[in-house]
Amino acid sequence: MTVKARILVVDDEDRFRQSLCRLLRAEGFTVDSAGSGLDALNKLATNEFDVVLLDMKMDGMSGSETFNEIQLQGFDVETVCLTGHTSISDAMKLLHNGVFDYLLKPASMPEILETVQRAMERKLLRHGEIGVSELIDGSGTR
């Protein structure tokens, strides 16, 4: 069986957040959500997640500030940034600082699913739970 990531969706737009959570659950993922950066940090402190889907433009704590806190607090997650507003320099800076990937809204569901799977594979590789050869031949299943 393929390892399904535990995902935290962070977005202050209720409708988008709820829709994305519903679609991810339909794909068999364990999903929780947060409507703000602070809520996300609280959930990360009390639950285990593999991948964070993080909106960049939020009221209060921005996605960048939230990501910086995720890094500072040492949460063991891969972060995928989602935004409708981007600049190449912002994206490059985040990628350089450890964000796994950066997707433009509205990202397609296949694009989100593929990115979440790659992020999960990177986490498993980091922990030595799968080897590179398992990724290459596609047998990264348990």
Protein backbone atom coordinates (compact mmCIF):
# COMPACT_ATOMS: atom_id res chain seq x y z
CA MET A 1 0.00 0.00 0.00
CA THR A 2 1.23 3.50 -0.80
CA VAL A 3 2.01 5.75 2.15
CA LYS A 4 -0.58 8.52 2.30
CA ALA A 5 0.61 11.84 3.65
CA ARG A 6 -1.01 13.52 6.64
CA ILE A 7 -1.75 16.99 5.31
CA LEU A 8 -2.42 20.32 6.99
CA VAL A 9 -4.15 22.83 4.68
CA VAL A 10 -3.54 26.44 5.79
CA ASP A 11 -5.60 29.13 4.10
CA ASP A 12 -7.69 32.01 5.45
CA GLU A 13 -10.19 31.63 2.60
CA ASP A 14 -12.80 29.27 4.11
CA ARG A 15 -14.34 28.08 0.85
CA PHE A 16 -11.01 27.23 -0.81
CA ARG A 17 -9.69 25.53 2.34
CA GLN A 18 -12.81 23.41 2.81
CA SER A 19 -12.96 22.41 -0.87
CA LEU A 20 -9.31 21.39 -0.94
CA CYS A 21 -9.70 19.38 2.27
CA ARG A 22 -12.74 17.57 0.87
CA LEU A 23 -10.91 16.71 -2.37
CA LEU A 24 -7.82 15.46 -0.52
CA ARG A 25 -9.92 13.32 1.83
CA ALA A 26 -11.66 11.81 -1.21
CA GLU A 27 -8.17 10.75 -2.38
CA GLY A 28 -7.61 8.92 0.92
CA PHE A 29 -5.44 11.44 2.76
CA THR A 30 -5.74 12.31 6.43
CA VAL A 31 -6.40 16.05 6.36
CA ASP A 32 -6.80 18.84 8.88
CA SER A 33 -7.06 22.55 8.25
CA ALA A 34 -6.14 25.88 9.77
CA GLY A 35 -7.57 29.30 8.94
CA SER A 36 -4.50 31.24 10.03
CA GLY A 37 -0.77 30.93 10.53
CA LEU A 38 -1.16 30.91 14.30
CA ASP A 39 -3.80 28.18 14.12
CA ALA A 40 -1.45 26.17 11.87
CA LEU A 41 1.43 26.46 14.35
CA ASN A 42 -0.83 25.31 17.18
CA LYS A 43 -1.98 22.29 15.16
CA LEU A 44 1.60 21.44 14.19
CA ALA A 45 2.57 21.55 17.88
CA THR A 46 -0.12 19.04 18.87
CA ASN A 47 -0.46 16.75 15.81
CA GLU A 48 1.83 14.97 13.37
CA PHE A 49 1.71 16.03 9.74
CA ASP A 50 3.86 15.19 6.73
CA VAL A 51 2.95 17.99 4.33
CA VAL A 52 1.68 21.53 4.87
CA LEU A 53 -0.16 23.23 2.00
CA LEU A 54 0.36 26.87 2.94
CA ASP A 55 -1.32 29.93 1.45
CA MET A 56 1.08 32.86 1.16
CA LYS A 57 -1.40 35.76 1.37
CA MET A 58 -3.27 35.61 4.66
CA ASP A 59 -4.50 38.24 7.08
CA GLY A 60 -2.45 38.45 10.24
CA MET A 61 0.55 36.14 9.99
CA SER A 62 1.52 35.75 6.31
CA GLY A 63 2.46 32.46 4.73
CA SER A 64 6.13 33.51 4.70
CA GLU A 65 6.02 34.36 8.41
CA THR A 66 4.24 31.07 9.13
CA PHE A 67 6.87 29.14 7.16
CA ASN A 68 9.66 30.91 9.06
CA GLU A 69 8.04 29.83 12.35
CA ILE A 70 7.64 26.25 11.07
CA GLN A 71 11.40 26.26 10.38
CA LEU A 72 12.33 27.94 13.68
CA GLN A 73 10.24 25.52 15.72
CA GLY A 74 11.70 22.54 13.85
CA PHE A 75 8.46 20.90 12.72
CA ASP A 76 9.22 17.82 10.61
CA VAL A 77 7.06 18.68 7.60
CA GLU A 78 7.49 19.43 3.93
CA THR A 79 5.86 22.74 3.02
CA VAL A 80 4.18 23.48 -0.31
CA CYS A 81 3.25 27.12 -0.84
CA LEU A 82 0.06 28.06 -2.67
CA THR A 83 -0.63 31.56 -3.90
CA GLY A 84 -2.53 33.55 -6.46
CA HIS A 85 0.04 36.34 -6.25
CA THR A 86 3.70 35.66 -6.86
CA SER A 87 6.96 37.04 -7.99
CA ILE A 88 9.87 34.97 -9.20
CA SER A 89 12.11 36.48 -6.50
CA ASP A 90 9.64 35.58 -3.73
CA ALA A 91 9.35 32.01 -5.02
CA MET A 92 13.13 31.63 -5.37
CA LYS A 93 13.70 32.98 -1.85
CA LEU A 94 11.20 30.53 -0.33
CA LEU A 95 12.60 27.58 -2.29
CA HIS A 96 16.12 28.56 -1.21
CA ASN A 97 14.94 28.68 2.42
CA GLY A 98 13.51 25.16 2.36
CA VAL A 99 9.99 25.29 0.92
CA PHE A 100 9.45 22.04 -1.01
CA ASP A 101 7.53 23.60 -3.90
CA TYR A 102 5.50 26.63 -4.91
CA LEU A 103 2.18 26.28 -6.76
CA LEU A 104 0.10 29.02 -8.33
CA LYS A 105 -3.62 29.14 -7.53
CA PRO A 106 -5.72 27.80 -8.94
CA ALA A 107 -3.51 24.71 -9.08
CA SER A 108 -5.15 21.67 -10.63
CA MET A 109 -5.96 18.73 -8.38
CA PRO A 110 -3.58 16.41 -10.30
CA GLU A 111 -0.80 19.01 -9.84
CA ILE A 112 -1.51 19.26 -6.09
CA LEU A 113 -1.66 15.47 -5.70
CA GLU A 114 1.59 14.96 -7.59
CA THR A 115 3.34 17.65 -5.53
CA VAL A 116 2.06 16.20 -2.24
CA GLN A 117 3.30 12.74 -3.30
CA ARG A 118 6.76 14.10 -4.16
CA ALA A 119 6.89 15.99 -0.86
CA MET A 120 5.97 12.82 1.03
CA GLU A 121 8.66 10.88 -0.84
CA ARG A 122 11.24 13.50 0.15
CA LYS A 123 10.23 13.18 3.80
CA LEU A 124 10.46 9.38 3.64
CA LEU A 125 13.88 9.62 1.99
CA ARG A 126 15.05 12.03 4.67
CA HIS A 127 14.03 9.55 7.35
CA GLY A 128 15.55 6.59 5.51
CA GLU A 129 12.16 4.91 5.23
CA ILE A 130 12.56 4.45 1.48
CA GLY A 131 15.65 4.41 -0.70
CA VAL A 132 16.36 6.21 -3.95
CA SER A 133 16.05 2.93 -5.86
CA GLU A 134 12.46 2.58 -4.62
CA LEU A 135 11.66 5.99 -6.08
CA ILE A 136 13.33 5.20 -9.38
CA ASP A 137 11.53 1.89 -9.93
CA GLY A 138 8.28 3.18 -8.44
CA SER A 139 8.11 0.62 -5.64
CA GLY A 140 8.10 3.20 -2.85
CA THR A 141 5.16 1.46 -1.23
CA ARG A 142 4.60 -0.10 2.16
